[in-house]
C-alpha cells in the first residue's frame, strides 16, 4: 500500500483561510452565519474556520456547533456506531445561513444525513457546504459551495484527513 501526502499543514491552513474568506463573501458579511461541523473531523475544521472568521472580522462574534448525524445515516446501521455529541447554539438555526463543514466529500450520503438532522433544529434561511477535500464519486446530487482542494481519485483509493486535534498531525493522505 502506497501513501501519498497531498496536503500539508500549511496547505490545510491556506485552504481554510480561503474558505473563510469565501464564506464571508458569499454571505455578504458576517451576519446570521452559523458554522456547524460534522463529526469526526468536520467539527475541528468548523472550529478552525470560526477562529479564522473571528480574525478577519474581530468585531463580530461567530457561532459554531456540532451536528451528530449517526441516527440519520442510510448507509450504516445506527446501532453499529456510537452516538456522538450535537451542540447547536441557543439562538438556533432559524433564519440563519448554516455552513455545514466536513473533511471529505465522497458519495454525498453524510451530507444528506446532515441535512436531515439539521431539520430537527429548525429551518435555516440557507444551507451551504464547506469541505476540505472533494474527491468526487457522488451517489447523490450534492455539491459543495466551498472546497479546499478538489482531488480526483480512483474509487479504490482512500483519502485520509489527519488533524492535530485527533491524529496529532495535519495532513491529507491518499492511499491505495
Protein backbone atom coordinates (compact mmCIF):
# COMPACT_ATOMS: atom_id res chain seq x y z
CA UNK A 1 0.00 0.00 0.00
CA UNK A 2 1.45 3.35 -1.03
CA UNK A 3 0.66 6.59 0.73
CA UNK A 4 0.94 9.99 -0.89
CA UNK A 5 0.62 13.23 1.08
CA UNK A 6 -1.43 15.68 -0.97
CA UNK A 7 -1.95 18.46 1.59
CA UNK A 8 0.49 19.55 4.27
CA UNK A 9 -0.24 21.50 7.44
CA UNK A 10 0.41 24.77 5.60
CA UNK A 11 -1.78 23.71 2.66
CA UNK A 12 -4.66 22.95 5.04
CA UNK A 13 -4.29 26.33 6.76
CA UNK A 14 -4.26 28.15 3.41
CA UNK A 15 -7.34 26.23 2.25
CA UNK A 16 -9.26 27.02 5.44
CA UNK A 17 -8.37 30.72 5.22
CA UNK A 18 -9.59 30.81 1.63
CA UNK A 19 -12.81 29.01 2.60
CA UNK A 20 -13.40 31.51 5.44
CA UNK A 21 -13.00 34.46 3.07
CA UNK A 22 -15.30 32.81 0.52
CA UNK A 23 -17.95 32.21 3.20
CA UNK A 24 -17.92 35.91 4.15
CA UNK A 25 -18.08 36.99 0.51
CA UNK A 26 -20.95 34.62 -0.32
CA UNK A 27 -22.87 35.79 2.76
CA UNK A 28 -22.15 39.49 2.11
CA UNK A 29 -20.59 39.73 5.57
CA UNK A 30 -20.71 38.04 8.96
CA UNK A 31 -24.39 38.47 9.87
CA UNK A 32 -26.54 35.45 10.71
CA UNK A 33 -23.82 32.89 9.98
CA UNK A 34 -23.69 29.59 11.85
CA UNK A 35 -20.75 27.26 11.21
CA UNK A 36 -21.63 23.61 12.00
CA UNK A 37 -19.12 20.77 11.91
CA UNK A 38 -19.95 17.14 11.20
CA UNK A 39 -18.04 14.74 13.47
CA UNK A 40 -15.47 13.45 13.49
CA UNK A 41 -13.09 15.71 11.59
CA UNK A 42 -15.60 18.27 10.37
CA UNK A 43 -16.05 19.54 13.94
CA UNK A 44 -12.44 20.71 14.46
CA UNK A 45 -12.39 22.10 10.91
CA UNK A 46 -15.52 24.14 11.73
CA UNK A 47 -13.83 25.46 14.88
CA UNK A 48 -10.78 26.46 12.86
CA UNK A 49 -12.93 28.23 10.27
CA UNK A 50 -14.72 30.09 13.09
CA UNK A 51 -11.39 31.15 14.54
CA UNK A 52 -10.24 32.44 11.14
CA UNK A 53 -13.56 34.28 10.65
CA UNK A 54 -13.03 35.99 14.03
CA UNK A 55 -9.54 37.06 12.91
CA UNK A 56 -10.98 38.52 9.70
CA UNK A 57 -13.96 40.20 11.43
CA UNK A 58 -12.82 40.78 15.03
CA UNK A 59 -15.82 42.96 15.90
CA UNK A 60 -18.25 40.13 15.15
CA UNK A 61 -18.96 37.07 17.26
CA UNK A 62 -19.39 33.91 15.19
CA UNK A 63 -21.45 30.98 16.36
CA UNK A 64 -20.48 27.38 15.77
CA UNK A 65 -21.89 24.00 16.54
CA UNK A 66 -21.50 20.26 16.07
CA UNK A 67 -24.12 18.07 14.40
CA UNK A 68 -24.10 14.32 15.03
CA UNK A 69 -25.69 12.51 12.09
CA UNK A 70 -25.49 8.91 13.33
CA UNK A 71 -29.25 8.35 13.51
CA UNK A 72 -29.81 9.82 10.05
CA UNK A 73 -27.38 7.69 8.04
CA UNK A 74 -28.81 5.37 5.42
CA UNK A 75 -25.55 3.59 4.61
CA UNK A 76 -24.77 2.18 8.07
CA UNK A 77 -26.77 0.69 10.85
CA UNK A 78 -27.36 3.28 13.56
CA UNK A 79 -26.66 0.60 16.14
CA UNK A 80 -23.20 -0.04 14.67
CA UNK A 81 -21.99 3.43 15.61
CA UNK A 82 -21.70 5.21 18.90
CA UNK A 83 -23.95 8.25 19.18
CA UNK A 84 -21.99 11.47 19.12
CA UNK A 85 -22.47 14.91 20.57
CA UNK A 86 -24.67 17.57 18.99
CA UNK A 87 -24.24 21.18 20.06
CA UNK A 88 -26.35 23.85 18.37
CA UNK A 89 -26.19 27.41 19.80
CA UNK A 90 -29.15 28.55 21.88
CA UNK A 91 -30.06 31.03 19.14
CA UNK A 92 -30.77 28.03 16.91
CA UNK A 93 -30.69 27.72 13.14
CA UNK A 94 -33.91 29.54 12.24
CA UNK A 95 -33.38 32.16 9.52
CA UNK A 96 -29.59 31.73 9.60
CA UNK A 97 -27.14 30.79 6.90
CA UNK A 98 -25.80 27.47 8.14
CA UNK A 99 -22.47 26.34 6.75
CA UNK A 100 -22.04 22.59 7.19
CA UNK A 101 -18.35 21.65 7.42
CA UNK A 102 -16.91 18.20 6.70
CA UNK A 103 -13.47 16.86 5.91
CA UNK A 104 -14.07 14.77 2.75
CA UNK A 105 -17.00 14.82 0.33
CA UNK A 106 -17.35 11.45 -1.37
CA UNK A 107 -20.72 9.79 -2.03
CA UNK A 108 -22.77 12.64 -0.52
CA UNK A 109 -24.55 10.36 1.96
CA UNK A 110 -23.03 12.04 5.02
CA UNK A 111 -24.28 15.43 3.84
CA UNK A 112 -27.74 14.04 3.07
CA UNK A 113 -27.85 12.73 6.65
CA UNK A 114 -26.66 16.11 7.96
CA UNK A 115 -29.42 17.93 6.10
CA UNK A 116 -31.98 15.57 7.63
CA UNK A 117 -30.50 16.01 11.12
CA UNK A 118 -30.42 19.79 10.75
CA UNK A 119 -34.19 19.95 10.17
CA UNK A 120 -34.67 18.73 13.76
CA UNK A 121 -33.39 22.13 14.92
CA UNK A 122 -35.47 24.42 12.73
CA UNK A 123 -35.47 25.91 9.29
CA UNK A 124 -32.34 27.76 8.20
CA UNK A 125 -32.64 30.53 5.63
CA UNK A 126 -29.91 28.80 3.64
CA UNK A 127 -27.57 25.83 4.00
CA UNK A 128 -24.13 25.84 2.41
CA UNK A 129 -21.45 23.16 2.38
CA UNK A 130 -17.73 23.60 3.03
CA UNK A 131 -15.37 20.65 2.63
CA UNK A 132 -11.63 20.40 2.92
CA UNK A 133 -11.46 17.76 0.16
CA UNK A 134 -13.87 16.93 -2.66
CA UNK A 135 -12.83 13.57 -4.08
CA UNK A 136 -15.76 13.01 -6.45
CA UNK A 137 -17.73 9.77 -6.93
CA UNK A 138 -21.06 11.24 -5.84
CA UNK A 139 -24.05 8.93 -5.40
CA UNK A 140 -26.43 11.80 -4.61
CA UNK A 141 -26.90 15.23 -6.26
CA UNK A 142 -24.89 17.13 -3.65
CA UNK A 143 -22.13 19.62 -4.39
CA UNK A 144 -20.03 21.78 -2.10
CA UNK A 145 -20.16 25.57 -2.08
CA UNK A 146 -16.64 25.92 -0.64
CA UNK A 147 -13.81 23.48 -1.37
CA UNK A 148 -10.28 23.43 -0.01
CA UNK A 149 -8.98 21.00 -2.64
CA UNK A 150 -10.56 19.05 -5.48
CA UNK A 151 -8.84 15.66 -5.52
CA UNK A 152 -9.85 13.41 -8.40
CA UNK A 153 -9.40 9.90 -7.05
CA UNK A 154 -9.93 6.33 -8.11
CA UNK A 155 -12.79 4.61 -6.34
CA UNK A 156 -10.25 2.15 -4.90
CA UNK A 157 -8.20 4.91 -3.25
CA UNK A 158 -8.71 6.08 0.33
CA UNK A 159 -8.44 9.74 1.34
CA UNK A 160 -7.45 10.27 4.98
CA UNK A 161 -7.62 13.68 6.59
CA UNK A 162 -5.45 13.79 9.69
CA UNK A 163 -5.93 16.68 12.08
CA UNK A 164 -3.71 17.62 15.01
CA UNK A 165 -6.73 17.70 17.36
CA UNK A 166 -7.43 14.00 16.71
CA UNK A 167 -4.40 12.46 14.99
CA UNK A 168 -1.53 14.62 16.22
CA UNK A 169 -0.65 15.89 12.73
CA UNK A 170 -2.27 17.99 10.00
CA UNK A 171 -2.13 16.34 6.57
CA UNK A 172 -4.23 14.77 3.85
CA UNK A 173 -3.03 11.43 2.53
CA UNK A 174 -4.20 9.28 -0.38
CA UNK A 175 -3.55 5.57 -0.10
CA UNK A 176 -4.27 2.71 -2.46
